[in-house]
Amino acid sequence: MKVLRNIVVLILLVTPLMGQNITVTANPDLADWDVIKFTEMTGSFGPSSPLLFGIRIESDTYPVKDLELHVALTAYSEALQLENTTIFNASVKMDLLAPLTINNKQLSMTMSLDDIPDEAGNTISFNEYDYYLIDAAEQTRLQEGILANGGNMPGGTYTLTRQVRGTNPETGEAYNVQAIGYDEYRTIVITQSAGITLIRPDLGEEIVSNTFPVFEWNSSGCDEYYIKICEYNPLMHSSPEDAINGESSFPYPSTGDFAYVGSATSLDYAAVSGKPLEVGKAYAWQVKKVCQSVSTTNEETSLIYGFTITEAGQTITVCQEQIRSAIGDTQYNILFGRNGPLYGFGECGDVSMDGETMNSSDFSALLVQLINGAYTIESITTQ
């Protein structure tokens, strides 16, 4: 009988060769490119330019051969007459022996191989390097447009490309690139902010016969709105501006700030938990919008409009109409409104000036002069 001894079975596991793993991390992702001054970008995007981005490139094994880095900034802006125009473009093919951190300030027409050492102190080997910047005529046009916009990039769509790719020339395997903390194609829309127009209650509609009015406004460029509504009592406030800085009816309880309403351009007072508005009282209201950009926050406020609330169907006499025309809706409602000292009074009695009784015609003529500014009212007293 034959005996099998010391049989050794050798199993060879063959693992296919995989591409190298490259990790690209934002360092930082994006800086204040939305407020670039043209004077900082004239000539090149070198050391004197603002920081747009930085990335750190690391491989699981070294060396890394023919790694490609492509960076570009394109712009579409009617204000600058740019239609998907490339402002700058840099393409690098390099070999890495250690992790590398690189940013746009290191990419310029005059860059040399000594400009960018890796984290181990090695000098980077650039196999290829191409750089493009808009020509002098385009730079002049850009300068004029940017200076006209206060030195900032005008409204438009700007796309920053940061792409790392490549194939190992020795193995033919494409590098496995993972981007962390940034988008390879970062598109930012800079919108020119338009003013805020208050629609209702407006200055021509100061009398509102509803304690739950609807507030409406119009604007463009941003969609983050806030509103503030405050009681306006001329006996306590020197102006509508003074009132709007005081205690608010909405938001309520008063916080001293505006109430956030999101992207809406109207507010139904019946749908919010504001302090009840009262008949006979006057109010001031204002809208604020916030425009978010990459690195800054801009706030814009509307004019301040006022309105007064009367009872629905309330009628006034000819005399009262004359008084209202002379002293204004706000003062009139304070005096003759439901909570006013003259509430319930209708026809005017005897009117005197300097101790002499005036007839209705003379009184009307006096009111006309008041309306036209020939006289001013220093104070109002009631008896």
Protein backbone atom coordinates (compact mmCIF):
# COMPACT_ATOMS: atom_id res chain seq x y z
CA MET A 1 0.00 0.00 0.00
CA LYS A 2 1.30 3.33 -0.94
CA VAL A 3 1.20 6.16 1.59
CA LEU A 4 0.91 9.78 0.59
CA ARG A 5 3.00 11.94 2.83
CA ASN A 6 3.66 15.64 3.13
CA ILE A 7 1.34 16.70 0.39
CA VAL A 8 1.50 20.41 0.07
CA VAL A 9 -1.10 22.24 -1.96
CA LEU A 10 -0.01 25.68 -2.91
CA ILE A 11 -2.87 27.99 -3.80
CA LEU A 12 -1.84 31.19 -5.42
CA LEU A 13 -4.33 34.01 -5.07
CA VAL A 14 -3.84 36.55 -7.77
CA THR A 15 -5.21 39.97 -7.01
CA PRO A 16 -5.53 42.28 -9.96
CA LEU A 17 -3.53 45.45 -9.71
CA MET A 18 -5.79 48.37 -8.75
CA GLY A 19 -5.24 52.07 -9.37
CA GLN A 20 -3.81 54.31 -6.68
CA ASN A 21 -6.24 56.06 -4.37
CA ILE A 22 -5.96 59.85 -4.35
CA THR A 23 -7.74 61.93 -1.70
CA VAL A 24 -8.29 65.64 -2.42
CA THR A 25 -9.48 67.74 0.51
CA ALA A 26 -10.60 71.37 0.52
CA ASN A 27 -8.09 73.54 2.38
CA PRO A 28 -10.03 75.88 2.36
CA ASP A 29 -13.02 75.28 0.12
CA LEU A 30 -13.65 78.82 -1.07
CA ALA A 31 -12.67 82.27 0.14
CA ASP A 32 -13.97 85.75 -0.58
CA TRP A 33 -14.04 85.45 -4.33
CA ASP A 34 -17.42 87.17 -4.53
CA VAL A 35 -15.85 90.45 -3.45
CA ILE A 36 -12.70 90.26 -5.56
CA LYS A 37 -11.26 93.65 -6.38
CA PHE A 38 -10.10 93.88 -9.95
CA THR A 39 -6.88 95.62 -8.89
CA GLU A 40 -5.96 92.43 -7.02
CA MET A 41 -6.40 90.25 -10.08
CA THR A 42 -4.65 92.35 -12.72
CA GLY A 43 -1.89 90.52 -14.52
CA SER A 44 -2.17 87.14 -12.85
CA PHE A 45 -3.73 85.16 -10.04
CA GLY A 46 -0.42 84.91 -8.26
CA PRO A 47 0.71 85.81 -4.74
CA SER A 48 -1.01 89.22 -4.74
CA SER A 49 -4.44 87.82 -5.63
CA PRO A 50 -7.12 87.02 -3.05
CA LEU A 51 -7.36 83.44 -1.85
CA LEU A 52 -10.01 81.61 -3.86
CA PHE A 53 -9.37 78.06 -2.81
CA GLY A 54 -6.85 75.59 -1.50
CA ILE A 55 -6.67 71.80 -1.80
CA ARG A 56 -4.55 69.08 -0.19
CA ILE A 57 -3.66 66.10 -2.40
CA GLU A 58 -2.66 62.82 -0.75
CA SER A 59 -2.10 59.31 -2.15
CA ASP A 60 -2.18 55.93 -0.47
CA THR A 61 1.13 55.09 -2.19
CA TYR A 62 3.96 57.06 -3.78
CA PRO A 63 5.23 58.09 -6.22
CA VAL A 64 2.27 59.45 -8.15
CA LYS A 65 3.10 59.93 -11.81
CA ASP A 66 1.49 62.43 -14.18
CA LEU A 67 -1.22 63.59 -11.78
CA GLU A 68 -3.35 66.25 -13.48
CA LEU A 69 -4.75 69.35 -11.77
CA HIS A 70 -7.13 71.59 -13.67
CA VAL A 71 -8.33 74.93 -12.24
CA ALA A 72 -10.52 77.45 -14.05
CA LEU A 73 -12.85 80.38 -13.35
CA THR A 74 -15.57 81.15 -15.89
CA ALA A 75 -18.17 83.88 -15.76
CA TYR A 76 -21.55 84.69 -17.26
CA SER A 77 -22.47 88.29 -16.52
CA GLU A 78 -24.55 90.66 -18.63
CA ALA A 79 -23.17 93.59 -16.64
CA LEU A 80 -19.62 92.61 -17.62
CA GLN A 81 -20.60 91.47 -21.14
CA LEU A 82 -19.29 88.01 -20.35
CA GLU A 83 -20.95 84.92 -21.79
CA ASN A 84 -19.35 81.83 -20.24
CA THR A 85 -16.00 83.56 -20.57
CA THR A 86 -12.89 81.97 -19.08
CA ILE A 87 -11.22 84.48 -16.77
CA PHE A 88 -8.30 82.21 -15.97
CA ASN A 89 -7.35 78.61 -16.60
CA ALA A 90 -4.43 76.60 -15.22
CA SER A 91 -3.55 72.99 -16.07
CA VAL A 92 -0.74 71.11 -14.35
CA LYS A 93 0.66 67.61 -14.85
CA MET A 94 3.04 66.67 -12.04
CA ASP A 95 4.74 63.88 -10.10
CA LEU A 96 4.24 63.62 -6.33
CA LEU A 97 6.51 62.04 -3.74
CA ALA A 98 4.49 63.21 -0.70
CA PRO A 99 1.23 65.01 0.13
CA LEU A 100 0.89 68.46 -1.45
CA THR A 101 -1.14 71.52 -0.48
CA ILE A 102 -1.70 74.03 -3.27
CA ASN A 103 -3.86 77.12 -3.74
CA ASN A 104 -4.64 79.62 -6.48
CA LYS A 105 -2.09 82.15 -5.15
CA GLN A 106 0.63 79.69 -6.23
CA LEU A 107 -0.66 79.46 -9.80
CA SER A 108 0.48 82.26 -12.08
CA MET A 109 2.17 82.96 -15.39
CA THR A 110 5.50 83.46 -13.66
CA MET A 111 5.41 80.36 -11.45
CA SER A 112 8.65 78.36 -11.35
CA LEU A 113 9.25 74.80 -10.18
CA ASP A 114 10.66 76.06 -6.88
CA ASP A 115 7.43 77.79 -5.92
CA ILE A 116 5.57 74.76 -4.59
CA PRO A 117 7.33 72.24 -2.30
CA ASP A 118 5.42 69.22 -0.99
CA GLU A 119 4.97 68.43 2.72
CA ALA A 120 8.25 66.51 2.79
CA GLY A 121 10.17 69.43 1.32
CA ASN A 122 10.57 67.91 -2.13
CA THR A 123 10.50 70.15 -5.18
CA ILE A 124 7.49 69.30 -7.30
CA SER A 125 8.26 68.05 -10.77
CA PHE A 126 5.99 69.73 -13.31
CA ASN A 127 5.81 67.65 -16.44
CA GLU A 128 3.41 70.09 -18.09
CA TYR A 129 2.07 73.53 -17.11
CA ASP A 130 -0.35 75.68 -19.09
CA TYR A 131 -1.76 78.98 -17.88
CA TYR A 132 -4.28 81.35 -19.46
CA LEU A 133 -5.54 84.74 -18.32
CA ILE A 134 -7.90 87.06 -20.21
CA ASP A 135 -6.11 89.57 -22.39
CA ALA A 136 -5.49 93.23 -21.60
CA ALA A 137 -8.55 94.51 -23.51
CA GLU A 138 -10.86 92.14 -21.64
CA GLN A 139 -9.20 93.08 -18.36
CA THR A 140 -9.95 96.74 -19.05
CA ARG A 141 -13.60 95.97 -19.71
CA LEU A 142 -13.72 93.91 -16.54
CA GLN A 143 -12.12 96.73 -14.59
CA GLU A 144 -14.69 99.24 -15.76
CA GLY A 145 -17.60 96.96 -14.89
CA ILE A 146 -16.25 96.00 -11.48
CA LEU A 147 -15.35 99.56 -10.50
CA ALA A 148 -18.86 100.65 -11.54
CA ASN A 149 -20.16 98.05 -9.05
CA GLY A 150 -18.22 99.47 -6.12
CA GLY A 151 -15.19 97.27 -6.74
CA ASN A 152 -17.15 94.01 -6.43
CA MET A 153 -17.96 91.32 -8.94
CA PRO A 154 -21.29 92.32 -10.56
CA GLY A 155 -24.30 90.06 -10.73
CA GLY A 156 -23.83 86.90 -12.74
CA THR A 157 -23.04 83.20 -12.62
CA TYR A 158 -19.47 82.28 -11.77
CA THR A 159 -18.12 78.73 -11.89
CA LEU A 160 -14.89 77.64 -10.23
CA THR A 161 -13.52 74.31 -11.44
CA ARG A 162 -11.04 72.31 -9.34
CA GLN A 163 -10.46 68.88 -10.84
CA VAL A 164 -7.80 66.26 -10.12
CA ARG A 165 -7.45 63.39 -12.56
CA GLY A 166 -4.77 61.24 -14.13
CA THR A 167 -3.54 57.84 -15.25
CA ASN A 168 -0.43 56.07 -14.06
CA PRO A 169 1.76 55.86 -17.18
CA GLU A 170 3.46 52.68 -15.93
CA THR A 171 0.33 50.64 -15.16
CA GLY A 172 -2.26 52.31 -17.39
CA GLU A 173 -4.62 52.46 -14.39
CA ALA A 174 -6.66 55.61 -13.80
CA TYR A 175 -6.23 57.14 -10.37
CA ASN A 176 -9.19 56.75 -7.99
CA VAL A 177 -9.83 60.32 -6.90
CA GLN A 178 -12.09 61.21 -3.99
CA ALA A 179 -13.04 64.88 -3.42
CA ILE A 180 -13.74 65.76 0.22
CA GLY A 181 -15.30 69.00 1.45
CA TYR A 182 -15.79 70.69 -1.91
CA ASP A 183 -17.52 70.40 -5.27
CA GLU A 184 -15.32 69.99 -8.30
CA TYR A 185 -17.59 72.41 -10.13
CA ARG A 186 -18.64 75.16 -7.73
CA THR A 187 -21.22 77.50 -9.24
CA ILE A 188 -22.10 80.69 -7.42
CA VAL A 189 -24.84 83.07 -8.50
CA ILE A 190 -24.28 86.67 -7.44
CA THR A 191 -27.59 88.53 -7.67
CA GLN A 192 -27.91 92.27 -7.78
CA SER A 193 -30.26 93.28 -5.02
CA ALA A 194 -33.24 95.43 -5.98
CA GLY A 195 -34.98 97.80 -3.60
CA ILE A 196 -38.10 96.96 -1.61
CA THR A 197 -41.39 98.50 -2.70
CA LEU A 198 -44.19 98.50 -0.13
CA ILE A 199 -47.49 97.88 -1.90
CA ARG A 200 -50.15 97.93 0.81
CA PRO A 201 -51.05 99.54 3.07
CA ASP A 202 -49.27 102.29 1.13
CA LEU A 203 -49.01 106.01 1.63
CA GLY A 204 -52.16 106.56 -0.42
CA GLU A 205 -54.14 104.08 1.66
CA GLU A 206 -53.47 105.17 5.21
CA ILE A 207 -57.01 104.42 6.41
CA VAL A 208 -57.57 100.70 6.95
CA SER A 209 -60.96 99.48 8.17
CA ASN A 210 -59.64 96.10 9.28
CA THR A 211 -57.72 95.11 12.38
CA PHE A 212 -56.24 92.21 10.43
CA PRO A 213 -54.78 93.93 7.38
CA VAL A 214 -52.73 92.22 4.69
CA PHE A 215 -49.22 93.61 4.20
CA GLU A 216 -47.69 93.24 0.76
CA TRP A 217 -44.37 94.27 -0.78
CA ASN A 218 -42.28 93.59 -3.84
CA SER A 219 -38.57 93.10 -4.43
CA SER A 220 -36.08 90.97 -6.36
CA GLY A 221 -32.58 89.65 -5.95
CA CYS A 222 -33.00 87.95 -2.58
CA ASP A 223 -35.78 85.95 -0.96
CA GLU A 224 -35.16 86.24 2.77
CA TYR A 225 -37.59 88.77 4.25
CA TYR A 226 -38.36 90.22 7.66
CA ILE A 227 -41.12 92.59 8.79
CA LYS A 228 -41.76 94.85 11.75
CA ILE A 229 -45.04 96.55 12.71
CA CYS A 230 -45.18 99.09 15.55
CA GLU A 231 -47.80 101.37 17.04
CA TYR A 232 -47.23 104.99 16.04
CA ASN A 233 -48.46 107.56 18.51
CA PRO A 234 -47.40 111.12 17.55
CA LEU A 235 -47.89 112.16 21.16
CA MET A 236 -45.13 109.72 22.12
CA HIS A 237 -43.06 109.34 18.96
CA SER A 238 -41.33 112.14 17.12
CA SER A 239 -41.56 110.37 13.75
CA PRO A 240 -42.46 107.05 12.13
CA GLU A 241 -38.75 106.19 12.35
CA ASP A 242 -38.95 106.73 16.10
CA ALA A 243 -42.00 104.47 16.27
CA ILE A 244 -40.45 101.65 14.24
CA ASN A 245 -37.53 101.55 16.70
CA GLY A 246 -39.91 101.16 19.64
CA GLU A 247 -42.06 98.34 20.96
CA SER A 248 -43.44 96.21 18.14
CA SER A 249 -46.90 94.74 17.68
CA PHE A 250 -45.31 92.15 15.43
CA PRO A 251 -43.15 90.39 16.32
CA TYR A 252 -44.88 90.08 19.68
CA PRO A 253 -43.70 89.99 22.39
CA SER A 254 -41.38 92.70 21.15
CA THR A 255 -37.78 91.62 20.62
CA GLY A 256 -36.49 94.89 19.19
CA ASP A 257 -35.87 93.11 15.90
CA PHE A 258 -37.82 92.14 12.79
CA ALA A 259 -39.91 88.99 12.39
CA TYR A 260 -38.71 86.44 9.84
CA VAL A 261 -41.25 85.66 7.10
CA GLY A 262 -39.09 83.61 4.73
CA SER A 263 -39.45 84.07 1.00
CA ALA A 264 -43.03 85.36 1.20
CA THR A 265 -43.75 88.87 -0.10
CA SER A 266 -46.96 89.30 1.88
CA LEU A 267 -48.18 88.86 5.43
CA ASP A 268 -51.77 88.26 6.54
CA TYR A 269 -51.99 89.64 10.06
CA ALA A 270 -54.83 87.21 10.82
CA ALA A 271 -52.40 84.31 10.31
CA VAL A 272 -49.73 85.44 12.80
CA SER A 273 -49.61 85.71 16.57
CA GLY A 274 -49.07 89.45 16.72
CA LYS A 275 -50.41 91.89 19.26
CA PRO A 276 -54.03 92.75 18.32
CA LEU A 277 -54.22 95.95 16.27
CA GLU A 278 -56.80 98.41 17.55
CA VAL A 279 -59.32 100.67 15.90
CA GLY A 280 -58.38 104.31 16.25
CA LYS A 281 -54.67 103.68 16.49
CA ALA A 282 -51.94 104.40 13.98
CA TYR A 283 -49.13 102.01 13.04
CA ALA A 284 -45.83 102.08 11.17
CA TRP A 285 -44.40 99.14 9.26
CA GLN A 286 -41.17 98.28 7.50
CA VAL A 287 -39.68 95.34 5.60
CA LYS A 288 -36.09 94.16 5.65
CA LYS A 289 -34.40 91.65 3.38
CA VAL A 290 -31.13 89.82 3.83
CA CYS A 291 -28.91 88.92 0.87
CA GLN A 292 -26.53 86.06 1.53
CA SER A 293 -23.35 85.80 -0.51
CA VAL A 294 -20.42 83.45 -0.18
CA SER A 295 -18.69 85.39 2.56
CA THR A 296 -20.83 88.40 3.38
CA THR A 297 -24.36 89.21 4.49
CA ASN A 298 -26.00 92.40 3.24
CA GLU A 299 -29.16 93.87 4.74
CA GLU A 300 -31.54 96.29 3.06
CA THR A 301 -34.60 97.98 4.52
CA SER A 302 -37.62 99.57 2.89
CA LEU A 303 -39.14 102.95 3.55
CA ILE A 304 -41.40 103.20 6.58
CA TYR A 305 -45.10 103.42 5.80
CA GLY A 306 -47.89 104.31 8.20
CA PHE A 307 -51.59 103.52 8.41
CA THR A 308 -54.49 104.02 10.81
CA ILE A 309 -57.39 101.71 11.58
CA THR A 310 -60.99 102.93 11.56
CA GLU A 311 -64.23 101.11 12.16
CA ALA A 312 -65.72 99.48 9.09
CA GLY A 313 -68.43 101.69 7.63
CA GLN A 314 -67.52 104.63 9.84
CA THR A 315 -68.73 107.93 8.36
CA ILE A 316 -67.45 111.39 9.15
CA THR A 317 -69.05 114.80 8.83
CA VAL A 318 -67.93 117.60 6.54
CA CYS A 319 -66.35 119.36 9.53
CA GLN A 320 -64.46 116.21 10.51
CA GLU A 321 -63.29 115.73 6.94
CA GLN A 322 -61.91 119.26 6.96
CA ILE A 323 -60.08 118.63 10.23
CA ARG A 324 -58.68 115.34 8.96
CA SER A 325 -57.37 117.04 5.83
CA ALA A 326 -55.65 119.67 7.95
CA ILE A 327 -54.08 117.54 10.68
CA GLY A 328 -53.60 114.26 8.78
CA ASP A 329 -55.09 110.79 9.16
CA THR A 330 -52.86 109.75 12.02
CA GLN A 331 -53.59 112.72 14.26
CA TYR A 332 -57.26 112.61 13.31
CA ASN A 333 -57.65 108.97 14.33
CA ILE A 334 -55.88 109.56 17.59
CA LEU A 335 -58.38 112.32 18.40
CA PHE A 336 -61.58 110.99 16.84
CA GLY A 337 -60.96 107.25 16.84
CA ARG A 338 -62.61 104.81 19.20
CA ASN A 339 -60.02 105.42 21.91
CA GLY A 340 -59.61 109.14 21.19
CA PRO A 341 -60.78 112.01 23.41
CA LEU A 342 -63.15 113.28 20.68
CA TYR A 343 -64.69 109.93 19.81
CA GLY A 344 -68.41 110.36 19.15
CA PHE A 345 -68.22 114.05 18.31
CA GLY A 346 -69.48 114.91 14.86
CA GLU A 347 -70.36 118.45 13.84
CA CYS A 348 -68.10 121.28 14.84
CA GLY A 349 -69.44 123.86 17.27
CA ASP A 350 -68.34 127.45 17.43
CA VAL A 351 -64.83 127.98 16.16
CA SER A 352 -62.83 130.95 17.32
CA MET A 353 -59.36 132.28 16.63
CA ASP A 354 -57.73 134.90 18.82
CA GLY A 355 -61.02 135.25 20.69
CA GLU A 356 -63.11 135.97 17.59
CA THR A 357 -65.76 133.57 16.32
CA MET A 358 -65.22 132.22 12.79
CA ASN A 359 -67.95 131.19 10.40
CA SER A 360 -67.71 127.92 8.46
CA SER A 361 -66.33 129.62 5.34
CA ASP A 362 -63.56 131.33 7.26
CA PHE A 363 -62.78 128.06 9.03
CA SER A 364 -62.58 126.23 5.69
CA ALA A 365 -60.27 128.94 4.34
CA LEU A 366 -58.03 128.62 7.38
CA LEU A 367 -57.82 124.85 6.92
CA VAL A 368 -56.84 125.33 3.28
CA GLN A 369 -54.00 127.60 4.39
CA LEU A 370 -52.93 125.00 6.92
CA ILE A 371 -52.93 122.32 4.25
CA ASN A 372 -50.91 124.53 1.91
CA GLY A 373 -48.33 125.25 4.59
CA ALA A 374 -49.15 128.93 5.15
CA TYR A 375 -49.60 128.05 8.84
CA THR A 376 -48.28 125.22 10.98
CA ILE A 377 -49.93 123.62 14.00
CA GLU A 378 -47.72 123.90 17.06
CA SER A 379 -50.02 121.99 19.42
CA ILE A 380 -53.50 120.54 19.72
CA THR A 381 -55.53 120.70 22.94
CA THR A 382 -59.01 119.44 23.70
CA GLN A 383 -61.53 120.68 26.26
